[in-house]
Amino acid sequence: MLSDHSGVQLPHVEQTPTRQVGRRVIIAALVLITTVAIVYLDRDGYTDNNGGEISLLDATYYATVSLSTTGYGDIVPVTSGARLVNILIITPLRVMFLLILIGTTLEALTASSREEFRIRRWRSRVRQHVIVCGYGTKGRSAIRALLGNGTAAENIVVVDADPAAVEEASAAGLTAVLGDAGRAEVLRRTSVEKARAVIVAANRDDAAVMIALTVRQLNPTVPITASVREEENASLLRQSGADSVITSSAAAGRLLGLSTDSPRVVAVVEDLLTAGRGLDLVQRTVAQSEVGLDARSLRDIVLSVTRGGRTLRFDDPLIGTLQNEDVLVVVKSKR
């Protein structure tokens, strides 16, 4: 569905009321033009109480008031042929015209009510979902990673100001919201207060800052991960409420620099960042069978241990033996 408002777009929804009305208006206009043509071609069979011949304007006027059942009676059919045409042709066209208008109103109201019901039901059920602000290259890559890590498509909500991007996300089975993610009323449509995480993948750093500020205002505790193009804007984004900031230009530049002298390093990094094959980076809690063991003795390669809110690198002596509720970042093999 493609709409011209900042509404929630669920996958595989019906055509919008705006398009329904537009299509029917065109049909009604064709009916009106047909009626005008019939009256004008048989204008000698009509008389104008004000005198004078029936002009094209008079024919249009008669067709309009006749189809709308207004019928002022100032222009009337006087010959038998004109009256027969009114009975056999114009009267059915009048009925068709009224059915189009009434049907359009009822269908538009029904579709709007049905869609509003779907949205309300979705909002009442959705929780612990991930909101992705921006459906560009970064946003789509983030969604692929989420899907690869087991997040269901129905638990991902996309926000983008581009109608084409919203339509594409909806076609991919995602819930989509059309609008500026930096506006509070748009984010409220995503049920941001119940989200488990927000990913900011805006195309501009100033937009990312505004989105982070708005998200933090609506949900003070939700984790926010944001991407910025320029490294000097990273601190500003953190001050705006982002918990994690990824500098896309710095990361890309670092890999480009390594590719000259250390191409295998780049290959490994790309492997780690590609979910579902080769090596994968995984965050998990320590297993009960692993409690009391040295981190180096695990089958998985431990890169860091988070304990009591503090993250320790793999070579930090404070790790000691693993404890209950430790959170590990490990390298796993998909083979």
Protein backbone atom coordinates (compact mmCIF):
# COMPACT_ATOMS: atom_id res chain seq x y z
CA MET A 1 0.00 0.00 0.00
CA LEU A 2 1.17 3.49 -0.78
CA SER A 3 -0.40 6.37 1.08
CA ASP A 4 0.07 10.08 1.26
CA HIS A 5 0.11 10.35 5.04
CA SER A 6 2.33 9.38 7.93
CA GLY A 7 0.44 6.18 8.66
CA VAL A 8 1.34 2.61 9.53
CA GLN A 9 1.57 0.40 6.49
CA LEU A 10 1.01 -3.29 7.09
CA PRO A 11 2.11 -5.85 4.49
CA HIS A 12 -0.33 -6.81 1.73
CA VAL A 13 -2.99 -4.23 2.46
CA GLU A 14 -5.66 -3.08 0.07
CA GLN A 15 -5.66 -0.09 -2.26
CA THR A 16 -5.89 3.25 -0.46
CA PRO A 17 -9.21 5.14 -0.24
CA THR A 18 -7.59 8.00 -2.16
CA ARG A 19 -6.96 5.77 -5.17
CA GLN A 20 -10.44 4.26 -4.90
CA VAL A 21 -12.03 7.70 -4.94
CA GLY A 22 -9.79 8.85 -7.80
CA ARG A 23 -10.74 5.88 -9.93
CA ARG A 24 -14.45 6.40 -9.36
CA VAL A 25 -14.24 10.13 -10.00
CA ILE A 26 -12.80 9.34 -13.43
CA ILE A 27 -15.70 6.96 -14.13
CA ALA A 28 -18.22 9.58 -12.97
CA ALA A 29 -16.59 12.16 -15.23
CA LEU A 30 -16.89 9.79 -18.20
CA VAL A 31 -20.59 9.27 -17.43
CA LEU A 32 -21.08 13.05 -17.29
CA ILE A 33 -19.22 13.59 -20.60
CA THR A 34 -21.29 10.85 -22.25
CA THR A 35 -24.51 12.47 -21.05
CA VAL A 36 -23.41 15.89 -22.29
CA ALA A 37 -22.62 14.44 -25.70
CA ILE A 38 -26.02 12.71 -25.95
CA VAL A 39 -27.92 15.87 -24.99
CA TYR A 40 -25.90 18.14 -27.26
CA LEU A 41 -26.23 15.87 -30.30
CA ASP A 42 -30.00 15.84 -29.78
CA ARG A 43 -30.20 19.50 -28.76
CA ASP A 44 -33.06 20.19 -31.17
CA GLY A 45 -35.27 17.96 -29.00
CA TYR A 46 -34.79 20.22 -25.95
CA THR A 47 -36.11 23.64 -25.14
CA ASP A 48 -34.79 26.35 -22.84
CA ASN A 49 -37.49 28.22 -20.94
CA ASN A 50 -35.30 31.31 -21.15
CA GLY A 51 -35.28 31.13 -24.93
CA GLY A 52 -32.47 30.55 -27.40
CA GLU A 53 -30.82 27.44 -28.78
CA ILE A 54 -29.25 24.77 -26.60
CA SER A 55 -25.51 25.42 -26.49
CA LEU A 56 -22.73 23.12 -25.30
CA LEU A 57 -22.80 24.98 -21.97
CA ASP A 58 -26.56 24.41 -21.74
CA ALA A 59 -26.09 20.71 -22.50
CA THR A 60 -23.43 20.44 -19.79
CA TYR A 61 -25.69 22.29 -17.34
CA TYR A 62 -28.64 20.01 -18.12
CA ALA A 63 -26.51 16.87 -17.79
CA THR A 64 -25.11 18.03 -14.45
CA VAL A 65 -28.43 18.89 -12.82
CA SER A 66 -30.08 15.82 -14.32
CA LEU A 67 -27.45 13.31 -13.14
CA SER A 68 -27.40 14.87 -9.68
CA THR A 69 -31.25 14.66 -9.61
CA THR A 70 -31.45 18.41 -8.94
CA GLY A 71 -33.63 19.04 -12.00
CA TYR A 72 -34.52 22.76 -12.06
CA GLY A 73 -36.82 22.29 -15.06
CA ASP A 74 -35.53 25.25 -17.06
CA ILE A 75 -34.23 22.97 -19.82
CA VAL A 76 -36.51 20.05 -20.72
CA PRO A 77 -36.86 17.44 -23.48
CA VAL A 78 -39.87 18.26 -25.67
CA THR A 79 -39.75 15.80 -28.57
CA SER A 80 -40.67 12.15 -28.29
CA GLY A 81 -37.17 11.10 -29.35
CA ALA A 82 -35.47 13.25 -26.68
CA ARG A 83 -37.82 11.93 -24.01
CA LEU A 84 -37.20 8.35 -25.10
CA VAL A 85 -33.44 8.94 -24.89
CA ASN A 86 -33.94 10.29 -21.36
CA ILE A 87 -35.89 7.20 -20.37
CA LEU A 88 -33.63 4.58 -21.96
CA ILE A 89 -30.18 6.16 -21.68
CA ILE A 90 -29.94 9.19 -19.40
CA THR A 91 -31.98 7.66 -16.57
CA PRO A 92 -29.70 4.55 -16.37
CA LEU A 93 -26.70 6.88 -16.51
CA ARG A 94 -28.22 8.89 -13.65
CA VAL A 95 -28.59 5.72 -11.58
CA MET A 96 -25.01 4.70 -12.42
CA PHE A 97 -23.76 8.16 -11.48
CA LEU A 98 -25.46 8.02 -8.07
CA LEU A 99 -24.24 4.47 -7.43
CA ILE A 100 -20.69 5.57 -8.19
CA LEU A 101 -20.89 8.45 -5.73
CA ILE A 102 -22.58 6.45 -2.97
CA GLY A 103 -20.42 3.41 -3.57
CA THR A 104 -17.25 5.49 -3.45
CA THR A 105 -18.21 7.01 -0.12
CA LEU A 106 -19.17 3.70 1.44
CA GLU A 107 -16.16 1.84 0.08
CA ALA A 108 -13.74 4.55 1.17
CA LEU A 109 -15.22 4.67 4.67
CA THR A 110 -15.22 0.89 4.93
CA ALA A 111 -11.61 0.55 3.74
CA SER A 112 -10.49 3.35 6.06
CA SER A 113 -12.27 1.80 9.05
CA ARG A 114 -10.91 -1.65 8.23
CA GLU A 115 -7.36 -0.32 7.91
CA GLU A 116 -7.69 1.66 11.15
CA PHE A 117 -8.88 -1.53 12.89
CA ARG A 118 -5.87 -3.43 11.53
CA ILE A 119 -3.52 -0.72 12.79
CA ARG A 120 -5.12 -0.62 16.24
CA ARG A 121 -4.93 -4.39 16.53
CA TRP A 122 -1.26 -4.33 15.46
CA ARG A 123 -0.43 -1.67 18.03
CA SER A 124 -2.16 -3.59 20.79
CA ARG A 125 -0.14 -6.73 20.05
CA VAL A 126 3.28 -5.42 19.03
CA ARG A 127 5.97 -5.27 21.69
CA GLN A 128 9.70 -5.92 21.95
CA HIS A 129 10.06 -4.96 18.29
CA VAL A 130 12.97 -3.28 16.54
CA ILE A 131 12.45 0.08 14.84
CA VAL A 132 14.73 0.85 11.89
CA CYS A 133 14.74 4.55 10.99
CA GLY A 134 15.81 4.72 7.36
CA TYR A 135 15.38 2.13 4.61
CA GLY A 136 18.44 3.01 2.58
CA THR A 137 21.51 0.85 2.09
CA LYS A 138 22.41 0.87 5.80
CA GLY A 139 18.85 0.25 6.94
CA ARG A 140 18.35 -2.69 4.59
CA SER A 141 21.67 -4.21 5.66
CA ALA A 142 20.67 -3.85 9.31
CA ILE A 143 17.37 -5.60 8.62
CA ARG A 144 19.12 -8.46 6.82
CA ALA A 145 21.34 -8.90 9.87
CA LEU A 146 18.30 -8.86 12.18
CA LEU A 147 16.54 -11.48 10.09
CA GLY A 148 19.72 -13.56 9.94
CA ASN A 149 19.97 -13.48 13.73
CA GLY A 150 16.44 -14.77 14.19
CA THR A 151 14.31 -11.61 14.50
CA ALA A 152 10.95 -12.22 12.84
CA ALA A 153 9.89 -9.86 10.06
CA GLU A 154 6.70 -8.96 11.94
CA ASN A 155 8.87 -7.66 14.79
CA ILE A 156 10.67 -5.13 12.57
CA VAL A 157 9.18 -1.70 11.89
CA VAL A 158 10.64 0.57 9.20
CA VAL A 159 10.30 4.36 9.22
CA ASP A 160 11.16 6.33 6.09
CA ALA A 161 10.02 9.57 4.47
CA ASP A 162 10.29 8.14 0.95
CA PRO A 163 7.00 6.55 -0.23
CA ALA A 164 8.90 4.21 -2.58
CA ALA A 165 11.03 2.92 0.31
CA VAL A 166 7.94 2.39 2.45
CA GLU A 167 6.24 0.49 -0.37
CA GLU A 168 9.34 -1.68 -0.85
CA ALA A 169 9.58 -2.44 2.88
CA SER A 170 5.89 -3.31 3.02
CA ALA A 171 6.24 -5.60 0.01
CA ALA A 172 9.10 -7.37 1.82
CA GLY A 173 6.72 -8.29 4.65
CA LEU A 174 7.78 -5.57 7.07
CA THR A 175 5.56 -3.10 8.87
CA ALA A 176 6.33 0.35 7.51
CA VAL A 177 5.58 3.91 8.57
CA LEU A 178 5.69 6.77 6.11
CA GLY A 179 7.08 9.96 7.63
CA ASP A 180 10.01 11.78 9.20
CA ALA A 181 11.40 9.70 12.08
CA GLY A 182 12.50 12.92 13.75
CA ARG A 183 8.86 13.83 14.42
CA ALA A 184 7.26 12.59 17.62
CA GLU A 185 3.85 11.90 16.05
CA VAL A 186 5.45 9.63 13.45
CA LEU A 187 7.43 7.63 16.02
CA ARG A 188 4.34 7.23 18.21
CA ARG A 189 2.78 5.30 15.34
CA THR A 190 5.57 2.74 15.68
CA SER A 191 4.74 2.11 19.37
CA VAL A 192 8.27 3.22 20.21
CA GLU A 193 7.42 3.10 23.92
CA LYS A 194 7.25 -0.73 23.64
CA ALA A 195 10.28 -1.25 21.36
CA ARG A 196 13.26 -3.30 22.46
CA ALA A 197 15.72 -1.41 20.25
CA VAL A 198 15.94 1.44 17.76
CA ILE A 199 18.36 1.55 14.84
CA VAL A 200 19.03 4.98 13.33
CA ALA A 201 20.23 4.61 9.74
CA ALA A 202 19.52 8.09 8.42
CA ASN A 203 21.30 9.46 5.36
CA ARG A 204 22.33 12.67 7.11
CA ASP A 205 24.03 13.14 10.47
CA ASP A 206 21.78 16.03 11.51
CA ALA A 207 18.73 13.86 10.83
CA ALA A 208 20.26 11.07 12.94
CA VAL A 209 20.75 13.49 15.84
CA MET A 210 17.13 14.67 15.64
CA ILE A 211 15.84 11.10 15.51
CA ALA A 212 17.91 10.08 18.54
CA LEU A 213 16.65 13.07 20.52
CA THR A 214 13.03 12.29 19.64
CA VAL A 215 13.35 8.59 20.43
CA ARG A 216 14.98 9.34 23.76
CA GLN A 217 12.20 11.78 24.62
CA LEU A 218 9.51 9.17 23.93
CA ASN A 219 11.35 6.20 25.44
CA PRO A 220 14.13 7.07 27.92
CA THR A 221 15.36 3.48 28.28
CA VAL A 222 15.28 1.88 24.81
CA PRO A 223 18.75 1.07 23.42
CA ILE A 224 19.59 3.27 20.42
CA THR A 225 22.21 2.31 17.85
CA ALA A 226 23.00 4.98 15.30
CA SER A 227 25.17 5.37 12.25
CA VAL A 228 26.94 8.62 11.34
CA ARG A 229 28.88 9.51 8.26
CA GLU A 230 31.48 11.76 9.89
CA GLU A 231 33.46 10.79 12.98
CA GLU A 232 33.32 14.29 14.48
CA ASN A 233 29.53 13.94 14.80
CA ALA A 234 29.72 10.75 16.85
CA SER A 235 30.04 12.54 20.20
CA LEU A 236 27.09 14.79 19.36
CA LEU A 237 24.97 11.74 18.60
CA ARG A 238 25.94 10.13 21.91
CA GLN A 239 24.95 13.32 23.70
CA SER A 240 21.63 13.13 21.88
CA GLY A 241 20.89 9.76 23.48
CA ALA A 242 22.47 7.10 21.26
CA ASP A 243 24.00 4.22 23.21
CA SER A 244 26.13 2.97 20.34
CA VAL A 245 27.44 5.00 17.41
CA ILE A 246 28.94 3.47 14.29
CA THR A 247 30.98 5.76 12.09
CA SER A 248 30.40 4.48 8.57
CA SER A 249 33.02 6.62 6.84
CA ALA A 250 35.72 5.82 9.41
CA ALA A 251 34.96 2.09 9.28
CA ALA A 252 35.00 2.05 5.50
CA GLY A 253 38.21 4.10 5.42
CA ARG A 254 39.88 1.75 7.89
CA LEU A 255 39.03 -1.28 5.75
CA LEU A 256 40.20 0.48 2.61
CA GLY A 257 43.52 1.26 4.25
CA LEU A 258 43.95 -2.32 5.46
CA SER A 259 43.09 -3.76 2.07
CA THR A 260 46.41 -2.65 0.61
CA ASP A 261 48.79 -4.34 3.05
CA SER A 262 46.50 -6.75 4.90
CA PRO A 263 43.84 -7.99 2.47
CA ARG A 264 43.21 -11.15 4.51
CA VAL A 265 42.27 -9.01 7.51
CA VAL A 266 39.62 -7.31 5.39
CA ALA A 267 38.35 -10.69 4.20
CA VAL A 268 37.96 -11.92 7.78
CA VAL A 269 36.17 -8.73 8.84
CA GLU A 270 33.78 -9.06 5.92
CA ASP A 271 33.21 -12.70 6.90
CA LEU A 272 32.42 -11.67 10.48
CA LEU A 273 29.98 -9.02 9.29
CA THR A 274 28.17 -11.40 6.94
CA ALA A 275 25.60 -13.41 8.87
CA GLY A 276 24.81 -17.01 8.10
CA ARG A 277 28.11 -18.28 6.69
CA GLY A 278 31.74 -18.69 7.72
CA LEU A 279 32.49 -16.90 10.98
CA ASP A 280 29.84 -15.01 12.92
CA LEU A 281 29.99 -12.56 15.80
CA VAL A 282 27.49 -13.60 18.48
CA GLN A 283 26.49 -12.12 21.83
CA ARG A 284 25.22 -14.63 24.36
CA THR A 285 24.99 -15.26 28.08
CA VAL A 286 27.37 -17.73 29.64
CA ALA A 287 26.05 -21.30 29.76
CA GLN A 288 25.70 -22.98 33.13
CA SER A 289 28.26 -25.58 32.09
CA GLU A 290 30.76 -22.80 31.36
CA VAL A 291 30.56 -21.13 34.78
CA GLY A 292 33.93 -21.42 36.56
CA LEU A 293 35.89 -22.06 33.37
CA ASP A 294 38.60 -19.90 31.91
CA ALA A 295 37.33 -17.90 28.90
CA ARG A 296 40.18 -19.26 26.76
CA SER A 297 39.06 -22.85 27.34
CA LEU A 298 35.72 -22.41 25.59
CA ARG A 299 35.09 -23.85 22.14
CA ASP A 300 33.99 -20.41 20.95
CA ILE A 301 36.58 -17.64 20.72
CA VAL A 302 35.70 -15.12 23.42
CA LEU A 303 36.34 -11.48 22.43
CA SER A 304 34.84 -9.75 25.46
CA VAL A 305 33.02 -10.40 28.70
CA THR A 306 30.46 -7.98 30.15
CA ARG A 307 30.08 -8.28 33.89
CA GLY A 308 28.16 -5.95 36.15
CA GLY A 309 27.73 -3.42 33.37
CA ARG A 310 31.47 -3.32 32.60
CA THR A 311 32.91 -4.76 29.39
CA LEU A 312 36.28 -6.53 29.67
CA ARG A 313 38.41 -7.39 26.66
CA PHE A 314 39.55 -10.96 26.08
CA ASP A 315 43.05 -10.23 27.46
CA ASP A 316 41.87 -8.42 30.60
CA PRO A 317 43.13 -10.31 33.70
CA LEU A 318 40.03 -9.21 35.62
CA ILE A 319 37.97 -11.74 33.65
CA GLY A 320 39.38 -14.64 35.64
CA THR A 321 36.87 -17.46 35.49
CA LEU A 322 33.43 -17.04 34.00
CA GLN A 323 30.57 -16.20 36.34
CA ASN A 324 26.80 -16.46 36.26
CA GLU A 325 25.09 -13.77 34.15
CA ASP A 326 28.29 -12.91 32.25
CA VAL A 327 27.53 -11.74 28.71
CA LEU A 328 30.00 -12.96 26.11
CA VAL A 329 30.81 -11.72 22.64
CA VAL A 330 32.22 -14.71 20.79
CA VAL A 331 33.28 -15.78 17.31
CA LYS A 332 31.38 -18.87 16.16
CA SER A 333 31.81 -20.96 13.07
CA LYS A 334 28.73 -21.69 10.95
CA ARG A 335 30.26 -24.89 9.61
